[in-house]
Amino acid sequence: MKLTMGEKLRILLKRKNVTIVELSRRLGTTNQNMANKLKRDNFSVKELEDIAVALGCKFEGFFVEDNGDKI
């Protein structure tokens, strides 16, 4: 079973020890907006790239952490 992008983001947030509230702040959006996007799994490529930057990793169709792990 494949993980949704929202599920992958939740894993990455947990690994980075970042809350949805903190991610929202870093992106300049509301907590409610981010929570809804995660729930609906509704992200543009630009948003995913911005999230990657906010979390200090890269987005290449998947997330690549600093240590090279892919999510």
C-alpha atoms as a PDB file:
ATOM      1  CA  MET A   1       0.000   0.000   0.000  1.00  0.00           C
ATOM      2  CA  LYS A   2       1.402   3.386  -1.028  1.00  0.00           C
ATOM      3  CA  LEU A   3       1.507   6.249   1.407  1.00  0.00           C
ATOM      4  CA  THR A   4      -0.320   9.445   0.474  1.00  0.00           C
ATOM      5  CA  MET A   5       1.636  12.679   0.359  1.00  0.00           C
ATOM      6  CA  GLY A   6      -0.159  13.790   3.521  1.00  0.00           C
ATOM      7  CA  GLU A   7       0.996  10.625   5.294  1.00  0.00           C
ATOM      8  CA  LYS A   8       4.547  11.165   4.064  1.00  0.00           C
ATOM      9  CA  LEU A   9       4.456  14.729   5.333  1.00  0.00           C
ATOM     10  CA  ARG A  10       3.243  13.597   8.745  1.00  0.00           C
ATOM     11  CA  ILE A  11       6.149  11.113   8.930  1.00  0.00           C
ATOM     12  CA  LEU A  12       8.605  13.822   7.935  1.00  0.00           C
ATOM     13  CA  LEU A  13       7.160  16.254  10.498  1.00  0.00           C
ATOM     14  CA  LYS A  14       7.540  13.606  13.208  1.00  0.00           C
ATOM     15  CA  ARG A  15      11.147  12.873  12.190  1.00  0.00           C
ATOM     16  CA  LYS A  16      11.984  16.583  12.128  1.00  0.00           C
ATOM     17  CA  ASN A  17      10.148  17.124  15.428  1.00  0.00           C
ATOM     18  CA  VAL A  18       8.054  19.906  13.856  1.00  0.00           C
ATOM     19  CA  THR A  19       4.375  20.411  14.594  1.00  0.00           C
ATOM     20  CA  ILE A  20       1.740  21.359  12.049  1.00  0.00           C
ATOM     21  CA  VAL A  21       1.457  24.675  13.892  1.00  0.00           C
ATOM     22  CA  GLU A  22       5.188  25.328  13.479  1.00  0.00           C
ATOM     23  CA  LEU A  23       5.140  24.289   9.811  1.00  0.00           C
ATOM     24  CA  SER A  24       2.190  26.599   9.198  1.00  0.00           C
ATOM     25  CA  ARG A  25       4.069  29.471  10.828  1.00  0.00           C
ATOM     26  CA  ARG A  26       7.145  28.803   8.689  1.00  0.00           C
ATOM     27  CA  LEU A  27       5.003  28.821   5.545  1.00  0.00           C
ATOM     28  CA  GLY A  28       2.990  31.893   6.504  1.00  0.00           C
ATOM     29  CA  THR A  29      -0.340  30.064   6.450  1.00  0.00           C
ATOM     30  CA  THR A  30      -2.885  29.100   9.076  1.00  0.00           C
ATOM     31  CA  ASN A  31      -2.827  25.928  11.105  1.00  0.00           C
ATOM     32  CA  GLN A  32      -6.354  25.166   9.900  1.00  0.00           C
ATOM     33  CA  ASN A  33      -5.341  25.524   6.243  1.00  0.00           C
ATOM     34  CA  MET A  34      -2.363  23.194   6.679  1.00  0.00           C
ATOM     35  CA  ALA A  35      -4.407  20.636   8.630  1.00  0.00           C
ATOM     36  CA  ASN A  36      -7.061  20.657   5.885  1.00  0.00           C
ATOM     37  CA  LYS A  37      -4.425  20.181   3.167  1.00  0.00           C
ATOM     38  CA  LEU A  38      -2.934  17.239   5.059  1.00  0.00           C
ATOM     39  CA  LYS A  39      -6.379  15.710   5.572  1.00  0.00           C
ATOM     40  CA  ARG A  40      -7.403  16.133   1.919  1.00  0.00           C
ATOM     41  CA  ASP A  41      -3.931  15.305   0.584  1.00  0.00           C
ATOM     42  CA  ASN A  42      -4.212  18.392  -1.590  1.00  0.00           C
ATOM     43  CA  PHE A  43      -0.815  19.933  -2.417  1.00  0.00           C
ATOM     44  CA  SER A  44       0.631  21.595  -5.490  1.00  0.00           C
ATOM     45  CA  VAL A  45       4.226  20.873  -6.466  1.00  0.00           C
ATOM     46  CA  LYS A  46       5.109  24.462  -5.479  1.00  0.00           C
ATOM     47  CA  GLU A  47       3.617  23.949  -2.012  1.00  0.00           C
ATOM     48  CA  LEU A  48       5.560  20.692  -1.587  1.00  0.00           C
ATOM     49  CA  GLU A  49       8.764  22.446  -2.629  1.00  0.00           C
ATOM     50  CA  ASP A  50       8.054  25.233  -0.111  1.00  0.00           C
ATOM     51  CA  ILE A  51       7.362  22.664   2.612  1.00  0.00           C
ATOM     52  CA  ALA A  52      10.647  20.922   1.824  1.00  0.00           C
ATOM     53  CA  VAL A  53      12.554  24.207   2.184  1.00  0.00           C
ATOM     54  CA  ALA A  54      10.731  24.960   5.455  1.00  0.00           C
ATOM     55  CA  LEU A  55      11.762  21.539   6.771  1.00  0.00           C
ATOM     56  CA  GLY A  56      15.341  21.743   5.539  1.00  0.00           C
ATOM     57  CA  CYS A  57      15.150  19.015   2.929  1.00  0.00           C
ATOM     58  CA  LYS A  58      14.577  18.617  -0.816  1.00  0.00           C
ATOM     59  CA  PHE A  59      11.479  17.589  -2.733  1.00  0.00           C
ATOM     60  CA  GLU A  60      12.157  15.427  -5.794  1.00  0.00           C
ATOM     61  CA  GLY A  61       8.725  13.830  -6.152  1.00  0.00           C
ATOM     62  CA  PHE A  62       9.491  12.600  -2.637  1.00  0.00           C
ATOM     63  CA  PHE A  63      11.293  14.177   0.296  1.00  0.00           C
ATOM     64  CA  VAL A  64      15.028  13.706   0.790  1.00  0.00           C
ATOM     65  CA  GLU A  65      16.287  14.384   4.309  1.00  0.00           C
ATOM     66  CA  ASP A  66      19.729  15.803   5.039  1.00  0.00           C
ATOM     67  CA  ASN A  67      21.031  12.307   5.795  1.00  0.00           C
ATOM     68  CA  GLY A  68      19.872  11.040   2.377  1.00  0.00           C
ATOM     69  CA  ASP A  69      16.799   9.152   3.615  1.00  0.00           C
ATOM     70  CA  LYS A  70      13.893   9.284   1.159  1.00  0.00           C
ATOM     71  CA  ILE A  71      10.291   9.618   2.247  1.00  0.00           C
END
